[in-house]
PDB file of N, CA and C in Angstrom:
ATOM      1  N   MET A   1       6.473 -70.941 310.322  1.00  0.00           N
ATOM      2  CA  MET A   1       5.715 -69.723 310.218  1.00  0.00           C
ATOM      3  C   MET A   1       6.203 -68.749 311.294  1.00  0.00           C
ATOM      4  N   PRO A   2       6.362 -67.461 310.951  1.00  0.00           N
ATOM      5  CA  PRO A   2       6.861 -66.508 311.932  1.00  0.00           C
ATOM      6  C   PRO A   2       5.869 -66.311 313.072  1.00  0.00           C
ATOM      7  N   LYS A   3       6.416 -66.038 314.232  1.00  0.00           N
ATOM      8  CA  LYS A   3       5.596 -65.795 315.410  1.00  0.00           C
ATOM      9  C   LYS A   3       5.145 -64.334 315.403  1.00  0.00           C
ATOM     10  N   ILE A   4       3.860 -64.124 315.587  1.00  0.00           N
ATOM     11  CA  ILE A   4       3.306 -62.774 315.586  1.00  0.00           C
ATOM     12  C   ILE A   4       2.969 -62.392 317.018  1.00  0.00           C
ATOM     13  N   GLU A   5       3.551 -61.311 317.465  1.00  0.00           N
ATOM     14  CA  GLU A   5       3.251 -60.792 318.782  1.00  0.00           C
ATOM     15  C   GLU A   5       2.520 -59.468 318.625  1.00  0.00           C
ATOM     16  N   ARG A   6       1.513 -59.271 319.428  1.00  0.00           N
ATOM     17  CA  ARG A   6       0.757 -58.023 319.368  1.00  0.00           C
ATOM     18  C   ARG A   6       1.149 -57.153 320.556  1.00  0.00           C
ATOM     19  N   ASN A   7       1.588 -55.956 320.247  1.00  0.00           N
ATOM     20  CA  ASN A   7       1.976 -54.998 321.278  1.00  0.00           C
ATOM     21  C   ASN A   7       1.099 -53.764 321.161  1.00  0.00           C
ATOM     22  N   THR A   8       0.835 -53.138 322.273  1.00  0.00           N
ATOM     23  CA  THR A   8       0.100 -51.880 322.232  1.00  0.00           C
ATOM     24  C   THR A   8       1.093 -50.741 322.097  1.00  0.00           C
ATOM     25  N   HIS A   9       0.689 -49.732 321.389  1.00  0.00           N
ATOM     26  CA  HIS A   9       1.527 -48.549 321.211  1.00  0.00           C
ATOM     27  C   HIS A   9       0.804 -47.385 321.866  1.00  0.00           C
ATOM     28  N   GLU A  10       1.312 -46.943 322.997  1.00  0.00           N
ATOM     29  CA  GLU A  10       0.685 -45.851 323.710  1.00  0.00           C
ATOM     30  C   GLU A  10       1.319 -44.538 323.275  1.00  0.00           C
ATOM     31  N   ILE A  11       0.477 -43.552 323.070  1.00  0.00           N
ATOM     32  CA  ILE A  11       0.956 -42.230 322.675  1.00  0.00           C
ATOM     33  C   ILE A  11       1.269 -41.447 323.933  1.00  0.00           C
ATOM     34  N   GLU A  12       2.488 -40.974 324.032  1.00  0.00           N
ATOM     35  CA  GLU A  12       2.922 -40.200 325.183  1.00  0.00           C
ATOM     36  C   GLU A  12       3.023 -38.743 324.785  1.00  0.00           C
ATOM     37  N   ILE A  13       2.597 -37.876 325.658  1.00  0.00           N
ATOM     38  CA  ILE A  13       2.693 -36.451 325.381  1.00  0.00           C
ATOM     39  C   ILE A  13       4.166 -36.074 325.290  1.00  0.00           C
ATOM     40  N   GLY A  14       4.499 -35.325 324.258  1.00  0.00           N
ATOM     41  CA  GLY A  14       5.871 -34.878 324.094  1.00  0.00           C
ATOM     42  C   GLY A  14       6.709 -35.771 323.196  1.00  0.00           C
ATOM     43  N   LYS A  15       6.098 -36.790 322.591  1.00  0.00           N
ATOM     44  CA  LYS A  15       6.872 -37.621 321.681  1.00  0.00           C
ATOM     45  C   LYS A  15       7.219 -36.823 320.440  1.00  0.00           C
ATOM     46  N   GLU A  16       8.156 -37.317 319.668  1.00  0.00           N
ATOM     47  CA  GLU A  16       8.607 -36.585 318.496  1.00  0.00           C
ATOM     48  C   GLU A  16       7.547 -36.515 317.400  1.00  0.00           C
ATOM     49  N   GLU A  17       6.516 -37.347 317.466  1.00  0.00           N
ATOM     50  CA  GLU A  17       5.466 -37.285 316.457  1.00  0.00           C
ATOM     51  C   GLU A  17       4.392 -36.254 316.796  1.00  0.00           C
ATOM     52  N   ASP A  18       4.511 -35.596 317.943  1.00  0.00           N
ATOM     53  CA  ASP A  18       3.591 -34.542 318.323  1.00  0.00           C
ATOM     54  C   ASP A  18       4.080 -33.208 317.766  1.00  0.00           C
ATOM     55  N   ILE A  19       3.127 -32.322 317.524  1.00  0.00           N
ATOM     56  CA  ILE A  19       3.458 -30.995 316.994  1.00  0.00           C
ATOM     57  C   ILE A  19       2.880 -29.950 317.943  1.00  0.00           C
ATOM     58  N   GLU A  20       3.685 -28.981 318.289  1.00  0.00           N
ATOM     59  CA  GLU A  20       3.217 -27.883 319.136  1.00  0.00           C
ATOM     60  C   GLU A  20       3.592 -26.573 318.463  1.00  0.00           C
ATOM     61  N   ILE A  21       2.586 -25.737 318.224  1.00  0.00           N
ATOM     62  CA  ILE A  21       2.802 -24.439 317.594  1.00  0.00           C
ATOM     63  C   ILE A  21       2.457 -23.380 318.632  1.00  0.00           C
ATOM     64  N   LYS A  22       3.449 -22.571 318.997  1.00  0.00           N
ATOM     65  CA  LYS A  22       3.247 -21.550 320.015  1.00  0.00           C
ATOM     66  C   LYS A  22       3.101 -20.188 319.357  1.00  0.00           C
ATOM     67  N   GLY A  23       2.122 -19.454 319.828  1.00  0.00           N
ATOM     68  CA  GLY A  23       1.925 -18.092 319.372  1.00  0.00           C
ATOM     69  C   GLY A  23       2.114 -17.137 320.534  1.00  0.00           C
ATOM     70  N   GLN A  24       1.671 -15.899 320.358  1.00  0.00           N
ATOM     71  CA  GLN A  24       1.782 -14.919 321.427  1.00  0.00           C
ATOM     72  C   GLN A  24       0.900 -15.304 322.617  1.00  0.00           C
ATOM     73  N   ARG A  25      -0.352 -15.648 322.312  1.00  0.00           N
ATOM     74  CA  ARG A  25      -1.318 -15.890 323.375  1.00  0.00           C
ATOM     75  C   ARG A  25      -1.744 -17.346 323.480  1.00  0.00           C
ATOM     76  N   PHE A  26      -1.832 -18.015 322.360  1.00  0.00           N
ATOM     77  CA  PHE A  26      -2.354 -19.370 322.329  1.00  0.00           C
ATOM     78  C   PHE A  26      -1.283 -20.367 321.914  1.00  0.00           C
ATOM     79  N   ARG A  27      -1.559 -21.607 322.226  1.00  0.00           N
ATOM     80  CA  ARG A  27      -0.677 -22.702 321.851  1.00  0.00           C
ATOM     81  C   ARG A  27      -1.537 -23.766 321.194  1.00  0.00           C
ATOM     82  N   LEU A  28      -1.120 -24.231 320.035  1.00  0.00           N
ATOM     83  CA  LEU A  28      -1.828 -25.280 319.302  1.00  0.00           C
ATOM     84  C   LEU A  28      -1.031 -26.562 319.437  1.00  0.00           C
ATOM     85  N   TYR A  29      -1.674 -27.598 319.983  1.00  0.00           N
ATOM     86  CA  TYR A  29      -0.991 -28.869 320.212  1.00  0.00           C
ATOM     87  C   TYR A  29      -1.709 -29.954 319.434  1.00  0.00           C
ATOM     88  N   VAL A  30      -1.001 -30.641 318.548  1.00  0.00           N
ATOM     89  CA  VAL A  30      -1.542 -31.757 317.778  1.00  0.00           C
ATOM     90  C   VAL A  30      -0.847 -33.007 318.281  1.00  0.00           C
ATOM     91  N   GLN A  31      -1.641 -33.970 318.748  1.00  0.00           N
ATOM     92  CA  GLN A  31      -1.061 -35.131 319.413  1.00  0.00           C
ATOM     93  C   GLN A  31      -0.306 -36.047 318.464  1.00  0.00           C
ATOM     94  N   ASN A  32      -0.689 -36.102 317.221  1.00  0.00           N
ATOM     95  CA  ASN A  32      -0.017 -36.992 316.286  1.00  0.00           C
ATOM     96  C   ASN A  32       0.064 -36.279 314.943  1.00  0.00           C
ATOM     97  N   ARG A  33       1.276 -36.050 314.440  1.00  0.00           N
ATOM     98  CA  ARG A  33       1.424 -35.295 313.193  1.00  0.00           C
ATOM     99  C   ARG A  33       0.764 -35.975 312.011  1.00  0.00           C
ATOM    100  N   TYR A  34       0.663 -37.312 312.044  1.00  0.00           N
ATOM    101  CA  TYR A  34       0.021 -38.013 310.932  1.00  0.00           C
ATOM    102  C   TYR A  34      -1.468 -37.718 310.871  1.00  0.00           C
ATOM    103  N   THR A  35      -2.087 -37.458 312.011  1.00  0.00           N
ATOM    104  CA  THR A  35      -3.496 -37.071 312.020  1.00  0.00           C
ATOM    105  C   THR A  35      -3.665 -35.736 311.323  1.00  0.00           C
ATOM    106  N   LEU A  36      -2.792 -34.786 311.625  1.00  0.00           N
ATOM    107  CA  LEU A  36      -2.853 -33.474 310.992  1.00  0.00           C
ATOM    108  C   LEU A  36      -2.613 -33.577 309.488  1.00  0.00           C
ATOM    109  N   ILE A  37      -1.641 -34.359 309.087  1.00  0.00           N
ATOM    110  CA  ILE A  37      -1.356 -34.533 307.654  1.00  0.00           C
ATOM    111  C   ILE A  37      -2.532 -35.202 306.960  1.00  0.00           C
ATOM    112  N   SER A  38      -3.135 -36.202 307.593  1.00  0.00           N
ATOM    113  CA  SER A  38      -4.274 -36.898 307.009  1.00  0.00           C
ATOM    114  C   SER A  38      -5.461 -35.954 306.809  1.00  0.00           C
ATOM    115  N   LEU A  39      -5.712 -35.097 307.789  1.00  0.00           N
ATOM    116  CA  LEU A  39      -6.803 -34.134 307.657  1.00  0.00           C
ATOM    117  C   LEU A  39      -6.519 -33.128 306.539  1.00  0.00           C
ATOM    118  N   ALA A  40      -5.271 -32.688 306.416  1.00  0.00           N
ATOM    119  CA  ALA A  40      -4.906 -31.761 305.342  1.00  0.00           C
ATOM    120  C   ALA A  40      -5.083 -32.416 303.980  1.00  0.00           C
ATOM    121  N   VAL A  41      -4.714 -33.696 303.861  1.00  0.00           N
ATOM    122  CA  VAL A  41      -4.883 -34.423 302.599  1.00  0.00           C
ATOM    123  C   VAL A  41      -6.368 -34.554 302.261  1.00  0.00           C
ATOM    124  N   ASP A  42      -7.198 -34.850 303.251  1.00  0.00           N
ATOM    125  CA  ASP A  42      -8.642 -34.945 303.019  1.00  0.00           C
ATOM    126  C   ASP A  42      -9.217 -33.611 302.555  1.00  0.00           C
ATOM    127  N   LEU A  43      -8.782 -32.531 303.186  1.00  0.00           N
ATOM    128  CA  LEU A  43      -9.259 -31.205 302.812  1.00  0.00           C
ATOM    129  C   LEU A  43      -8.850 -30.857 301.377  1.00  0.00           C
ATOM    130  N   LEU A  44      -7.593 -31.114 301.033  1.00  0.00           N
ATOM    131  CA  LEU A  44      -7.126 -30.822 299.676  1.00  0.00           C
ATOM    132  C   LEU A  44      -7.834 -31.687 298.634  1.00  0.00           C
ATOM    133  N   THR A  45      -8.131 -32.942 298.989  1.00  0.00           N
ATOM    134  CA  THR A  45      -8.868 -33.810 298.068  1.00  0.00           C
ATOM    135  C   THR A  45     -10.222 -33.203 297.743  1.00  0.00           C
ATOM    136  N   GLY A  46     -10.933 -32.781 298.769  1.00  0.00           N
ATOM    137  CA  GLY A  46     -12.243 -32.169 298.563  1.00  0.00           C
ATOM    138  C   GLY A  46     -12.165 -30.899 297.740  1.00  0.00           C
ATOM    139  N   ILE A  47     -11.177 -30.061 298.036  1.00  0.00           N
ATOM    140  CA  ILE A  47     -11.028 -28.806 297.297  1.00  0.00           C
ATOM    141  C   ILE A  47     -10.752 -29.063 295.820  1.00  0.00           C
ATOM    142  N   PHE A  48      -9.866 -29.998 295.518  1.00  0.00           N
ATOM    143  CA  PHE A  48      -9.560 -30.284 294.112  1.00  0.00           C
ATOM    144  C   PHE A  48     -10.756 -30.878 293.380  1.00  0.00           C
ATOM    145  N   TYR A  49     -11.521 -31.733 294.040  1.00  0.00           N
ATOM    146  CA  TYR A  49     -12.697 -32.291 293.380  1.00  0.00           C
ATOM    147  C   TYR A  49     -13.779 -31.231 293.176  1.00  0.00           C
ATOM    148  N   ILE A  50     -13.920 -30.299 294.110  1.00  0.00           N
ATOM    149  CA  ILE A  50     -14.883 -29.207 293.917  1.00  0.00           C
ATOM    150  C   ILE A  50     -14.460 -28.334 292.742  1.00  0.00           C
ATOM    151  N   PHE A  51     -13.179 -27.968 292.674  1.00  0.00           N
ATOM    152  CA  PHE A  51     -12.697 -27.170 291.547  1.00  0.00           C
ATOM    153  C   PHE A  51     -12.855 -27.916 290.224  1.00  0.00           C
ATOM    154  N   GLY A  52     -12.591 -29.223 290.244  1.00  0.00           N
ATOM    155  CA  GLY A  52     -12.780 -30.016 289.028  1.00  0.00           C
ATOM    156  C   GLY A  52     -14.233 -30.039 288.581  1.00  0.00           C
ATOM    157  N   SER A  53     -15.141 -30.160 289.535  1.00  0.00           N
ATOM    158  CA  SER A  53     -16.566 -30.151 289.207  1.00  0.00           C
ATOM    159  C   SER A  53     -17.001 -28.791 288.680  1.00  0.00           C
ATOM    160  N   LEU A  54     -16.539 -27.725 289.319  1.00  0.00           N
ATOM    161  CA  LEU A  54     -16.887 -26.385 288.846  1.00  0.00           C
ATOM    162  C   LEU A  54     -16.308 -26.123 287.460  1.00  0.00           C
ATOM    163  N   ALA A  55     -15.125 -26.622 287.188  1.00  0.00           N
ATOM    164  CA  ALA A  55     -14.518 -26.446 285.865  1.00  0.00           C
ATOM    165  C   ALA A  55     -15.330 -27.172 284.798  1.00  0.00           C
ATOM    166  N   THR A  56     -15.926 -28.302 285.170  1.00  0.00           N
ATOM    167  CA  THR A  56     -16.753 -29.039 284.217  1.00  0.00           C
ATOM    168  C   THR A  56     -18.051 -28.292 283.921  1.00  0.00           C
ATOM    169  N   LEU A  57     -18.597 -27.611 284.919  1.00  0.00           N
ATOM    170  CA  LEU A  57     -19.878 -26.922 284.766  1.00  0.00           C
ATOM    171  C   LEU A  57     -19.761 -25.547 284.117  1.00  0.00           C
ATOM    172  N   THR A  58     -18.577 -24.984 284.087  1.00  0.00           N
ATOM    173  CA  THR A  58     -18.395 -23.647 283.516  1.00  0.00           C
ATOM    174  C   THR A  58     -17.656 -23.748 282.185  1.00  0.00           C
ATOM    175  N   LYS A  59     -17.344 -22.593 281.634  1.00  0.00           N
ATOM    176  CA  LYS A  59     -16.660 -22.552 280.340  1.00  0.00           C
ATOM    177  C   LYS A  59     -15.140 -22.585 280.472  1.00  0.00           C
ATOM    178  N   ILE A  60     -14.666 -22.977 281.625  1.00  0.00           N
ATOM    179  CA  ILE A  60     -13.229 -23.128 281.830  1.00  0.00           C
ATOM    180  C   ILE A  60     -12.765 -24.302 280.965  1.00  0.00           C
ATOM    181  N   PRO A  61     -11.575 -24.212 280.349  1.00  0.00           N
ATOM    182  CA  PRO A  61     -11.098 -25.332 279.530  1.00  0.00           C
ATOM    183  C   PRO A  61     -11.081 -26.656 280.312  1.00  0.00           C
ATOM    184  N   ASP A  62     -11.395 -27.730 279.628  1.00  0.00           N
ATOM    185  CA  ASP A  62     -11.519 -29.047 280.262  1.00  0.00           C
ATOM    186  C   ASP A  62     -10.230 -29.531 280.922  1.00  0.00           C
ATOM    187  N   ARG A  63      -9.097 -29.121 280.393  1.00  0.00           N
ATOM    188  CA  ARG A  63      -7.849 -29.625 280.960  1.00  0.00           C
ATOM    189  C   ARG A  63      -7.644 -29.176 282.399  1.00  0.00           C
ATOM    190  N   TYR A  64      -8.148 -27.990 282.781  1.00  0.00           N
ATOM    191  CA  TYR A  64      -8.018 -27.551 284.179  1.00  0.00           C
ATOM    192  C   TYR A  64      -8.836 -28.438 285.104  1.00  0.00           C
ATOM    193  N   GLY A  65     -10.031 -28.800 284.676  1.00  0.00           N
ATOM    194  CA  GLY A  65     -10.842 -29.726 285.463  1.00  0.00           C
ATOM    195  C   GLY A  65     -10.178 -31.084 285.577  1.00  0.00           C
ATOM    196  N   THR A  66      -9.574 -31.534 284.484  1.00  0.00           N
ATOM    197  CA  THR A  66      -8.883 -32.824 284.492  1.00  0.00           C
ATOM    198  C   THR A  66      -7.693 -32.792 285.440  1.00  0.00           C
ATOM    199  N   TYR A  67      -6.942 -31.693 285.442  1.00  0.00           N
ATOM    200  CA  TYR A  67      -5.814 -31.571 286.371  1.00  0.00           C
ATOM    201  C   TYR A  67      -6.285 -31.593 287.824  1.00  0.00           C
ATOM    202  N   CYS A  68      -7.400 -30.922 288.098  1.00  0.00           N
ATOM    203  CA  CYS A  68      -7.928 -30.920 289.469  1.00  0.00           C
ATOM    204  C   CYS A  68      -8.370 -32.320 289.879  1.00  0.00           C
ATOM    205  N   TYR A  69      -9.050 -33.037 288.971  1.00  0.00           N
ATOM    206  CA  TYR A  69      -9.452 -34.414 289.285  1.00  0.00           C
ATOM    207  C   TYR A  69      -8.223 -35.305 289.508  1.00  0.00           C
ATOM    208  N   LEU A  70      -7.195 -35.106 288.706  1.00  0.00           N
ATOM    209  CA  LEU A  70      -5.972 -35.884 288.859  1.00  0.00           C
ATOM    210  C   LEU A  70      -5.305 -35.600 290.209  1.00  0.00           C
ATOM    211  N   ALA A  71      -5.241 -34.326 290.588  1.00  0.00           N
ATOM    212  CA  ALA A  71      -4.656 -33.980 291.893  1.00  0.00           C
ATOM    213  C   ALA A  71      -5.487 -34.585 293.023  1.00  0.00           C
ATOM    214  N   GLY A  72      -6.817 -34.546 292.903  1.00  0.00           N
ATOM    215  CA  GLY A  72      -7.670 -35.163 293.912  1.00  0.00           C
ATOM    216  C   GLY A  72      -7.433 -36.659 294.010  1.00  0.00           C
ATOM    217  N   ALA A  73      -7.242 -37.319 292.874  1.00  0.00           N
ATOM    218  CA  ALA A  73      -6.975 -38.763 292.873  1.00  0.00           C
ATOM    219  C   ALA A  73      -5.632 -39.076 293.534  1.00  0.00           C
ATOM    220  N   VAL A  74      -4.636 -38.218 293.315  1.00  0.00           N
ATOM    221  CA  VAL A  74      -3.331 -38.412 293.962  1.00  0.00           C
ATOM    222  C   VAL A  74      -3.482 -38.307 295.479  1.00  0.00           C
ATOM    223  N   PHE A  75      -4.247 -37.320 295.938  1.00  0.00           N
ATOM    224  CA  PHE A  75      -4.450 -37.169 297.381  1.00  0.00           C
ATOM    225  C   PHE A  75      -5.266 -38.319 297.959  1.00  0.00           C
ATOM    226  N   LEU A  76      -6.197 -38.859 297.195  1.00  0.00           N
ATOM    227  CA  LEU A  76      -6.933 -40.039 297.658  1.00  0.00           C
ATOM    228  C   LEU A  76      -6.003 -41.238 297.809  1.00  0.00           C
ATOM    229  N   THR A  77      -4.988 -41.321 296.977  1.00  0.00           N
ATOM    230  CA  THR A  77      -4.013 -42.403 297.069  1.00  0.00           C
ATOM    231  C   THR A  77      -3.068 -42.194 298.258  1.00  0.00           C
ATOM    232  N   LEU A  78      -2.769 -40.947 298.577  1.00  0.00           N
ATOM    233  CA  LEU A  78      -1.883 -40.658 299.704  1.00  0.00           C
ATOM    234  C   LEU A  78      -2.511 -41.029 301.046  1.00  0.00           C
ATOM    235  N   ARG A  79      -3.815 -40.964 301.136  1.00  0.00           N
ATOM    236  CA  ARG A  79      -4.479 -41.215 302.416  1.00  0.00           C
ATOM    237  C   ARG A  79      -4.183 -42.615 302.977  1.00  0.00           C
ATOM    238  N   PRO A  80      -4.369 -43.696 302.218  1.00  0.00           N
ATOM    239  CA  PRO A  80      -4.030 -44.999 302.796  1.00  0.00           C
ATOM    240  C   PRO A  80      -2.529 -45.181 303.030  1.00  0.00           C
ATOM    241  N   ILE A  81      -1.703 -44.531 302.231  1.00  0.00           N
ATOM    242  CA  ILE A  81      -0.261 -44.606 302.453  1.00  0.00           C
ATOM    243  C   ILE A  81       0.090 -43.981 303.801  1.00  0.00           C
ATOM    244  N   LEU A  82      -0.539 -42.851 304.131  1.00  0.00           N
ATOM    245  CA  LEU A  82      -0.308 -42.220 305.432  1.00  0.00           C
ATOM    246  C   LEU A  82      -0.765 -43.111 306.576  1.00  0.00           C
ATOM    247  N   ARG A  83      -1.873 -43.795 306.401  1.00  0.00           N
ATOM    248  CA  ARG A  83      -2.344 -44.707 307.449  1.00  0.00           C
ATOM    249  C   ARG A  83      -1.374 -45.861 307.652  1.00  0.00           C
ATOM    250  N   ILE A  84      -0.828 -46.370 306.566  1.00  0.00           N
ATOM    251  CA  ILE A  84       0.152 -47.456 306.686  1.00  0.00           C
ATOM    252  C   ILE A  84       1.381 -46.964 307.443  1.00  0.00           C
ATOM    253  N   VAL A  85       1.891 -45.801 307.078  1.00  0.00           N
ATOM    254  CA  VAL A  85       3.079 -45.251 307.729  1.00  0.00           C
ATOM    255  C   VAL A  85       2.801 -44.992 309.210  1.00  0.00           C
ATOM    256  N   ARG A  86       1.611 -44.521 309.519  1.00  0.00           N
ATOM    257  CA  ARG A  86       1.272 -44.195 310.899  1.00  0.00           C
ATOM    258  C   ARG A  86       1.119 -45.438 311.767  1.00  0.00           C
ATOM    259  N   ASN A  87       0.681 -46.534 311.190  1.00  0.00           N
ATOM    260  CA  ASN A  87       0.330 -47.707 311.987  1.00  0.00           C
ATOM    261  C   ASN A  87       1.358 -48.825 311.978  1.00  0.00           C
ATOM    262  N   ILE A  88       2.461 -48.647 311.297  1.00  0.00           N
ATOM    263  CA  ILE A  88       3.509 -49.674 311.280  1.00  0.00           C
ATOM    264  C   ILE A  88       4.700 -49.157 312.087  1.00  0.00           C
ATOM    265  N   PHE A  89       5.157 -49.995 312.989  1.00  0.00           N
ATOM    266  CA  PHE A  89       6.297 -49.654 313.821  1.00  0.00           C
ATOM    267  C   PHE A  89       7.382 -50.690 313.573  1.00  0.00           C
ATOM    268  N   ILE A  90       8.605 -50.240 313.423  1.00  0.00           N
ATOM    269  CA  ILE A  90       9.728 -51.143 313.194  1.00  0.00           C
ATOM    270  C   ILE A  90      10.612 -51.100 314.428  1.00  0.00           C
ATOM    271  N   TYR A  91      10.852 -52.268 314.991  1.00  0.00           N
ATOM    272  CA  TYR A  91      11.694 -52.376 316.173  1.00  0.00           C
ATOM    273  C   TYR A  91      12.959 -53.134 315.797  1.00  0.00           C
ATOM    274  N   ASP A  92      14.086 -52.637 316.242  1.00  0.00           N
ATOM    275  CA  ASP A  92      15.367 -53.279 315.991  1.00  0.00           C
ATOM    276  C   ASP A  92      15.724 -54.097 317.227  1.00  0.00           C
ATOM    277  N   ASP A  93      15.380 -55.381 317.217  1.00  0.00           N
ATOM    278  CA  ASP A  93      15.610 -56.243 318.375  1.00  0.00           C
ATOM    279  C   ASP A  93      17.095 -56.422 318.665  1.00  0.00           C
ATOM    280  N   LYS A  94      17.911 -56.498 317.629  1.00  0.00           N
ATOM    281  CA  LYS A  94      19.340 -56.684 317.834  1.00  0.00           C
ATOM    282  C   LYS A  94      19.939 -55.476 318.549  1.00  0.00           C
ATOM    283  N   LYS A  95      19.544 -54.289 318.134  1.00  0.00           N
ATOM    284  CA  LYS A  95      20.051 -53.075 318.758  1.00  0.00           C
ATOM    285  C   LYS A  95      19.593 -52.994 320.219  1.00  0.00           C
ATOM    286  N   ALA A  96      18.359 -53.380 320.497  1.00  0.00           N
ATOM    287  CA  ALA A  96      17.852 -53.359 321.870  1.00  0.00           C
ATOM    288  C   ALA A  96      18.593 -54.361 322.751  1.00  0.00           C
ATOM    289  N   LYS A  97      18.869 -55.536 322.208  1.00  0.00           N
ATOM    290  CA  LYS A  97      19.611 -56.545 322.974  1.00  0.00           C
ATOM    291  C   LYS A  97      21.037 -56.090 323.248  1.00  0.00           C
ATOM    292  N   ASP A  98      21.688 -55.476 322.247  1.00  0.00           N
ATOM    293  CA  ASP A  98      23.038 -54.957 322.438  1.00  0.00           C
ATOM    294  C   ASP A  98      23.060 -53.868 323.508  1.00  0.00           C
ATOM    295  N   LYS A  99      22.076 -53.000 323.487  1.00  0.00           N
ATOM    296  CA  LYS A  99      21.996 -51.936 324.471  1.00  0.00           C
ATOM    297  C   LYS A  99      21.767 -52.498 325.865  1.00  0.00           C
ATOM    298  N   GLU A 100      20.913 -53.514 325.952  1.00  0.00           N
ATOM    299  CA  GLU A 100      20.641 -54.167 327.235  1.00  0.00           C
ATOM    300  C   GLU A 100      21.899 -54.853 327.762  1.00  0.00           C
ATOM    301  N   ARG A 101      22.618 -55.523 326.877  1.00  0.00           N
ATOM    302  CA  ARG A 101      23.843 -56.214 327.268  1.00  0.00           C
ATOM    303  C   ARG A 101      24.894 -55.227 327.758  1.00  0.00           C
ATOM    304  N   ARG A 102      25.017 -54.073 327.102  1.00  0.00           N
ATOM    305  CA  ARG A 102      25.994 -53.062 327.515  1.00  0.00           C
ATOM    306  C   ARG A 102      25.633 -52.458 328.866  1.00  0.00           C
ATOM    307  N   SER A 103      24.345 -52.294 329.125  1.00  0.00           N
ATOM    308  CA  SER A 103      23.932 -51.697 330.402  1.00  0.00           C
ATOM    309  C   SER A 103      24.171 -52.647 331.567  1.00  0.00           C
ATOM    310  N   LYS A 104      24.196 -53.970 331.316  1.00  0.00           N
ATOM    311  CA  LYS A 104      24.463 -54.933 332.366  1.00  0.00           C
ATOM    312  C   LYS A 104      25.943 -54.997 332.723  1.00  0.00           C
ATOM    313  N   GLN A 105      26.785 -54.613 331.782  1.00  0.00           N
ATOM    314  CA  GLN A 105      28.233 -54.713 332.010  1.00  0.00           C
ATOM    315  C   GLN A 105      28.748 -53.615 332.850  1.00  0.00           C
TER     316      GLN A 105
END
């Protein structure tokens, strides 16, 4: 059975997964881009479901409501995929060992 090691992943300011948007006066800093993407997906899910519900209640053709519900379902599926991508880290042990060996030489 493979050996499982648990490592902590600390978020450092300035990592490549951080987003900084600079304006004239203000600066917007998002510590983790996946958090921002996840929030945008949640917002779009809600908007599509609201439009789908309104389309059902009004005289708008049913297919528009169905398309909105379908788009909302796609965004609901994207949410756990984003969490998986955000929480899985792949380490190349061979590359790290080679780099360590070269630095000793």
